Amino acid sequence: MPTDMKKIIAEATQTLLFERHVKKLTVKDIVEQCNITRQAFYYHFDGIPELLRWMIEEYFEQVMGKALDQEDGEVGLRSFFVMAINIAPYVEHGMKSNYGEELKRLLRQCFLHYFTLASERKNFYPDCTRSQMKVILRYHSQAIMGLLEEWTDEDTEQLDQIVHTVYHIMTAEIPPWSSRT
């Protein structure tokens, strides 16, 4: 069995969700798509939710690495937005499956993880307590998910302006708390 079996299983799942638009994803569908046994699937994953988590984390790790490595935080945020825009059609198809709520929860976790890493690396909130920072980061990750859920072609045309505005909000140039707190 190939060492990259997880990737083969993930590719089969992507094919089912995004090309064939399967709404009720099952392990049976996946093992038939990649021509393996159920035991082989369960050797690599406990179930479909773990598989989806692994797929999202793998993708986010690649993209987040590129975005976080940008010297300029605004350029990194733009990279993040571009990634989110590019995967939007896939996410939309995944949301229509029987694992839509799980997928949404996993995306929220990944967004929060990204913004936590970015704020720590760039020291965005040096004057905030840890609990304040947690609230700010939850807020930002949810706000950006909301923006992306309602994204339009016009927004894509205005991407640089939107990223610039969001970056200024996130970097406390428009502070969430006054210096008196």
C-alpha atoms as a PDB file:
ATOM      1  CA  MET A   1       0.000   0.000   0.000  1.00  0.00           C
ATOM      2  CA  PRO A   2       1.410   3.437  -0.952  1.00  0.00           C
ATOM      3  CA  THR A   3       2.795   5.597   1.812  1.00  0.00           C
ATOM      4  CA  ASP A   4       0.686   8.519   0.663  1.00  0.00           C
ATOM      5  CA  MET A   5      -2.594   6.638   1.106  1.00  0.00           C
ATOM      6  CA  LYS A   6      -4.046   9.523   3.127  1.00  0.00           C
ATOM      7  CA  LYS A   7      -3.595  11.761   0.103  1.00  0.00           C
ATOM      8  CA  ILE A   8      -5.189   9.168  -2.180  1.00  0.00           C
ATOM      9  CA  ILE A   9      -8.179   8.920   0.154  1.00  0.00           C
ATOM     10  CA  ALA A  10      -8.395  12.729   0.333  1.00  0.00           C
ATOM     11  CA  GLU A  11      -8.282  13.032  -3.468  1.00  0.00           C
ATOM     12  CA  ALA A  12     -11.056  10.453  -3.786  1.00  0.00           C
ATOM     13  CA  THR A  13     -13.118  12.431  -1.290  1.00  0.00           C
ATOM     14  CA  GLN A  14     -12.512  15.661  -3.204  1.00  0.00           C
ATOM     15  CA  THR A  15     -13.631  13.971  -6.413  1.00  0.00           C
ATOM     16  CA  LEU A  16     -16.817  12.752  -4.770  1.00  0.00           C
ATOM     17  CA  LEU A  17     -17.670  16.082  -3.142  1.00  0.00           C
ATOM     18  CA  PHE A  18     -16.545  18.553  -5.747  1.00  0.00           C
ATOM     19  CA  GLU A  19     -16.765  16.827  -9.101  1.00  0.00           C
ATOM     20  CA  ARG A  20     -19.613  14.417  -8.537  1.00  0.00           C
ATOM     21  CA  HIS A  21     -21.428  16.644  -6.009  1.00  0.00           C
ATOM     22  CA  VAL A  22     -22.211  13.752  -3.653  1.00  0.00           C
ATOM     23  CA  LYS A  23     -24.540  15.033  -0.934  1.00  0.00           C
ATOM     24  CA  LYS A  24     -24.441  11.978   1.342  1.00  0.00           C
ATOM     25  CA  LEU A  25     -20.780  11.069   1.598  1.00  0.00           C
ATOM     26  CA  THR A  26     -20.117   7.589   2.980  1.00  0.00           C
ATOM     27  CA  VAL A  27     -17.040   5.495   3.673  1.00  0.00           C
ATOM     28  CA  LYS A  28     -18.378   3.016   1.123  1.00  0.00           C
ATOM     29  CA  ASP A  29     -18.327   5.751  -1.553  1.00  0.00           C
ATOM     30  CA  ILE A  30     -14.778   6.717  -0.649  1.00  0.00           C
ATOM     31  CA  VAL A  31     -13.328   3.195  -0.609  1.00  0.00           C
ATOM     32  CA  GLU A  32     -14.997   2.404  -3.924  1.00  0.00           C
ATOM     33  CA  GLN A  33     -13.650   5.633  -5.439  1.00  0.00           C
ATOM     34  CA  CYS A  34     -10.044   4.902  -4.439  1.00  0.00           C
ATOM     35  CA  ASN A  35     -10.360   1.111  -4.786  1.00  0.00           C
ATOM     36  CA  ILE A  36      -9.319   0.180  -1.245  1.00  0.00           C
ATOM     37  CA  THR A  37     -10.904  -1.792   1.578  1.00  0.00           C
ATOM     38  CA  ARG A  38     -12.848  -0.311   4.471  1.00  0.00           C
ATOM     39  CA  GLN A  39     -10.074  -1.572   6.740  1.00  0.00           C
ATOM     40  CA  ALA A  40      -7.536   0.451   4.760  1.00  0.00           C
ATOM     41  CA  PHE A  41      -9.689   3.552   5.171  1.00  0.00           C
ATOM     42  CA  TYR A  42     -10.084   2.994   8.917  1.00  0.00           C
ATOM     43  CA  TYR A  43      -6.375   2.302   9.282  1.00  0.00           C
ATOM     44  CA  HIS A  44      -5.728   5.904   8.219  1.00  0.00           C
ATOM     45  CA  PHE A  45      -8.809   7.686   9.570  1.00  0.00           C
ATOM     46  CA  ASP A  46     -11.281   7.052  12.390  1.00  0.00           C
ATOM     47  CA  GLY A  47     -14.093   8.302  10.165  1.00  0.00           C
ATOM     48  CA  ILE A  48     -15.131  10.945   7.683  1.00  0.00           C
ATOM     49  CA  PRO A  49     -14.986  13.855  10.180  1.00  0.00           C
ATOM     50  CA  GLU A  50     -11.328  13.036  10.905  1.00  0.00           C
ATOM     51  CA  LEU A  51     -10.665  12.762   7.165  1.00  0.00           C
ATOM     52  CA  LEU A  52     -12.230  16.190   6.542  1.00  0.00           C
ATOM     53  CA  ARG A  53     -10.226  17.685   9.409  1.00  0.00           C
ATOM     54  CA  TRP A  54      -7.020  16.211   7.980  1.00  0.00           C
ATOM     55  CA  MET A  55      -7.806  17.545   4.493  1.00  0.00           C
ATOM     56  CA  ILE A  56      -8.521  21.055   5.741  1.00  0.00           C
ATOM     57  CA  GLU A  57      -5.497  21.118   8.036  1.00  0.00           C
ATOM     58  CA  GLU A  58      -3.187  19.916   5.245  1.00  0.00           C
ATOM     59  CA  TYR A  59      -4.424  22.612   2.896  1.00  0.00           C
ATOM     60  CA  PHE A  60      -4.331  25.346   5.521  1.00  0.00           C
ATOM     61  CA  GLU A  61      -0.808  24.392   6.591  1.00  0.00           C
ATOM     62  CA  GLN A  62       0.438  24.897   3.043  1.00  0.00           C
ATOM     63  CA  VAL A  63      -1.378  28.175   2.530  1.00  0.00           C
ATOM     64  CA  MET A  64      -0.788  29.526   6.027  1.00  0.00           C
ATOM     65  CA  GLY A  65       2.917  28.868   5.721  1.00  0.00           C
ATOM     66  CA  LYS A  66       3.082  31.003   2.587  1.00  0.00           C
ATOM     67  CA  ALA A  67       0.883  33.743   4.051  1.00  0.00           C
ATOM     68  CA  LEU A  68       2.664  33.884   7.411  1.00  0.00           C
ATOM     69  CA  ASP A  69       6.096  33.925   5.780  1.00  0.00           C
ATOM     70  CA  GLN A  70       5.290  37.243   4.112  1.00  0.00           C
ATOM     71  CA  GLU A  71       7.297  40.046   5.649  1.00  0.00           C
ATOM     72  CA  ASP A  72       4.423  42.450   5.139  1.00  0.00           C
ATOM     73  CA  GLY A  73       1.384  41.376   7.178  1.00  0.00           C
ATOM     74  CA  GLU A  74      -1.031  42.950   4.721  1.00  0.00           C
ATOM     75  CA  VAL A  75       0.464  40.906   1.869  1.00  0.00           C
ATOM     76  CA  GLY A  76       0.065  37.797   4.026  1.00  0.00           C
ATOM     77  CA  LEU A  77      -3.576  38.640   4.716  1.00  0.00           C
ATOM     78  CA  ARG A  78      -4.146  39.133   0.994  1.00  0.00           C
ATOM     79  CA  SER A  79      -2.667  35.669   0.372  1.00  0.00           C
ATOM     80  CA  PHE A  80      -5.099  34.285   2.917  1.00  0.00           C
ATOM     81  CA  PHE A  81      -8.055  35.975   1.201  1.00  0.00           C
ATOM     82  CA  VAL A  82      -6.947  34.713  -2.219  1.00  0.00           C
ATOM     83  CA  MET A  83      -6.722  31.175  -0.821  1.00  0.00           C
ATOM     84  CA  ALA A  84     -10.186  31.464   0.694  1.00  0.00           C
ATOM     85  CA  ILE A  85     -11.658  32.811  -2.543  1.00  0.00           C
ATOM     86  CA  ASN A  86     -10.036  30.005  -4.528  1.00  0.00           C
ATOM     87  CA  ILE A  87     -11.419  27.245  -2.312  1.00  0.00           C
ATOM     88  CA  ALA A  88     -14.879  28.812  -2.002  1.00  0.00           C
ATOM     89  CA  PRO A  89     -16.485  26.672  -4.736  1.00  0.00           C
ATOM     90  CA  TYR A  90     -15.177  23.510  -3.049  1.00  0.00           C
ATOM     91  CA  VAL A  91     -16.353  24.635   0.358  1.00  0.00           C
ATOM     92  CA  GLU A  92     -19.763  25.453  -1.078  1.00  0.00           C
ATOM     93  CA  HIS A  93     -20.085  21.915  -2.461  1.00  0.00           C
ATOM     94  CA  GLY A  94     -18.857  20.435   0.809  1.00  0.00           C
ATOM     95  CA  MET A  95     -21.404  22.470   2.764  1.00  0.00           C
ATOM     96  CA  LYS A  96     -24.179  20.824   0.762  1.00  0.00           C
ATOM     97  CA  SER A  97     -23.048  17.364   1.870  1.00  0.00           C
ATOM     98  CA  ASN A  98     -24.123  15.578   5.017  1.00  0.00           C
ATOM     99  CA  TYR A  99     -20.889  16.873   6.610  1.00  0.00           C
ATOM    100  CA  GLY A 100     -21.604  20.569   5.999  1.00  0.00           C
ATOM    101  CA  GLU A 101     -21.831  21.552   9.663  1.00  0.00           C
ATOM    102  CA  GLU A 102     -18.637  19.640  10.494  1.00  0.00           C
ATOM    103  CA  LEU A 103     -16.877  21.359   7.610  1.00  0.00           C
ATOM    104  CA  LYS A 104     -18.031  24.786   8.772  1.00  0.00           C
ATOM    105  CA  ARG A 105     -16.809  24.085  12.316  1.00  0.00           C
ATOM    106  CA  LEU A 106     -13.428  22.931  11.011  1.00  0.00           C
ATOM    107  CA  LEU A 107     -13.065  26.027   8.850  1.00  0.00           C
ATOM    108  CA  ARG A 108     -13.839  28.253  11.854  1.00  0.00           C
ATOM    109  CA  GLN A 109     -11.104  26.469  13.814  1.00  0.00           C
ATOM    110  CA  CYS A 110      -8.598  26.857  10.976  1.00  0.00           C
ATOM    111  CA  PHE A 111      -9.383  30.549  10.532  1.00  0.00           C
ATOM    112  CA  LEU A 112      -8.945  31.139  14.253  1.00  0.00           C
ATOM    113  CA  HIS A 113      -5.677  29.176  14.238  1.00  0.00           C
ATOM    114  CA  TYR A 114      -4.374  31.248  11.311  1.00  0.00           C
ATOM    115  CA  PHE A 115      -5.213  34.565  12.945  1.00  0.00           C
ATOM    116  CA  THR A 116      -3.749  33.431  16.253  1.00  0.00           C
ATOM    117  CA  LEU A 117      -0.461  32.513  14.570  1.00  0.00           C
ATOM    118  CA  ALA A 118      -0.419  35.728  12.556  1.00  0.00           C
ATOM    119  CA  SER A 119      -1.074  37.928  15.586  1.00  0.00           C
ATOM    120  CA  GLU A 120       1.609  36.160  17.618  1.00  0.00           C
ATOM    121  CA  ARG A 121       4.211  36.408  14.848  1.00  0.00           C
ATOM    122  CA  LYS A 122       3.447  40.039  14.084  1.00  0.00           C
ATOM    123  CA  ASN A 123       2.729  41.054  17.698  1.00  0.00           C
ATOM    124  CA  PHE A 124      -0.534  42.736  16.689  1.00  0.00           C
ATOM    125  CA  TYR A 125      -1.952  43.255  20.171  1.00  0.00           C
ATOM    126  CA  PRO A 126       0.929  43.967  22.537  1.00  0.00           C
ATOM    127  CA  ASP A 127      -1.207  45.968  24.979  1.00  0.00           C
ATOM    128  CA  CYS A 128      -4.042  43.450  25.253  1.00  0.00           C
ATOM    129  CA  THR A 129      -4.390  40.767  27.861  1.00  0.00           C
ATOM    130  CA  ARG A 130      -4.503  37.145  26.732  1.00  0.00           C
ATOM    131  CA  SER A 131      -8.266  36.981  27.293  1.00  0.00           C
ATOM    132  CA  GLN A 132      -8.814  40.201  25.325  1.00  0.00           C
ATOM    133  CA  MET A 133      -6.665  38.839  22.515  1.00  0.00           C
ATOM    134  CA  LYS A 134      -8.697  35.613  22.396  1.00  0.00           C
ATOM    135  CA  VAL A 135     -11.916  37.609  21.999  1.00  0.00           C
ATOM    136  CA  ILE A 136     -10.375  39.853  19.329  1.00  0.00           C
ATOM    137  CA  LEU A 137      -9.105  36.877  17.338  1.00  0.00           C
ATOM    138  CA  ARG A 138     -12.427  35.036  17.574  1.00  0.00           C
ATOM    139  CA  TYR A 139     -14.135  38.199  16.410  1.00  0.00           C
ATOM    140  CA  HIS A 140     -11.790  38.674  13.451  1.00  0.00           C
ATOM    141  CA  SER A 141     -11.965  35.058  12.314  1.00  0.00           C
ATOM    142  CA  GLN A 142     -15.785  35.105  12.455  1.00  0.00           C
ATOM    143  CA  ALA A 143     -15.955  38.494  10.728  1.00  0.00           C
ATOM    144  CA  ILE A 144     -13.756  37.316   7.876  1.00  0.00           C
ATOM    145  CA  MET A 145     -15.759  34.103   7.517  1.00  0.00           C
ATOM    146  CA  GLY A 146     -18.858  36.281   7.285  1.00  0.00           C
ATOM    147  CA  LEU A 147     -17.260  38.435   4.597  1.00  0.00           C
ATOM    148  CA  LEU A 148     -16.262  35.369   2.627  1.00  0.00           C
ATOM    149  CA  GLU A 149     -19.688  33.734   2.930  1.00  0.00           C
ATOM    150  CA  GLU A 150     -21.238  36.761   1.229  1.00  0.00           C
ATOM    151  CA  TRP A 151     -18.347  37.321  -1.221  1.00  0.00           C
ATOM    152  CA  THR A 152     -19.227  38.705  -4.658  1.00  0.00           C
ATOM    153  CA  ASP A 153     -17.426  39.290  -7.943  1.00  0.00           C
ATOM    154  CA  GLU A 154     -17.416  42.990  -7.062  1.00  0.00           C
ATOM    155  CA  ASP A 155     -15.603  42.146  -3.825  1.00  0.00           C
ATOM    156  CA  THR A 156     -12.960  40.295  -5.838  1.00  0.00           C
ATOM    157  CA  GLU A 157     -12.467  43.431  -7.928  1.00  0.00           C
ATOM    158  CA  GLN A 158     -12.083  45.426  -4.683  1.00  0.00           C
ATOM    159  CA  LEU A 159      -9.866  42.800  -3.003  1.00  0.00           C
ATOM    160  CA  ASP A 160      -6.916  45.092  -2.289  1.00  0.00           C
ATOM    161  CA  GLN A 161      -9.135  47.758  -0.715  1.00  0.00           C
ATOM    162  CA  ILE A 162     -10.980  45.175   1.412  1.00  0.00           C
ATOM    163  CA  VAL A 163      -7.724  43.568   2.564  1.00  0.00           C
ATOM    164  CA  HIS A 164      -6.272  46.982   3.378  1.00  0.00           C
ATOM    165  CA  THR A 165      -9.310  47.904   5.498  1.00  0.00           C
ATOM    166  CA  VAL A 166      -9.419  44.552   7.286  1.00  0.00           C
ATOM    167  CA  TYR A 167      -5.682  44.684   7.946  1.00  0.00           C
ATOM    168  CA  HIS A 168      -5.974  48.111   9.555  1.00  0.00           C
ATOM    169  CA  ILE A 169      -8.807  46.900  11.757  1.00  0.00           C
ATOM    170  CA  MET A 170      -6.875  43.778  12.735  1.00  0.00           C
ATOM    171  CA  THR A 171      -3.624  45.534  13.517  1.00  0.00           C
ATOM    172  CA  ALA A 172      -5.302  47.818  16.032  1.00  0.00           C
ATOM    173  CA  GLU A 173      -4.849  50.886  13.884  1.00  0.00           C
ATOM    174  CA  ILE A 174      -8.570  51.029  14.572  1.00  0.00           C
ATOM    175  CA  PRO A 175      -8.270  49.804  18.158  1.00  0.00           C
ATOM    176  CA  PRO A 176     -10.864  47.505  19.715  1.00  0.00           C
ATOM    177  CA  TRP A 177     -10.187  49.017  23.134  1.00  0.00           C
ATOM    178  CA  SER A 178      -9.025  52.417  24.205  1.00  0.00           C
ATOM    179  CA  SER A 179      -5.693  52.697  25.989  1.00  0.00           C
ATOM    180  CA  ARG A 180      -7.592  53.297  29.269  1.00  0.00           C
ATOM    181  CA  THR A 181      -8.708  49.644  29.570  1.00  0.00           C
END
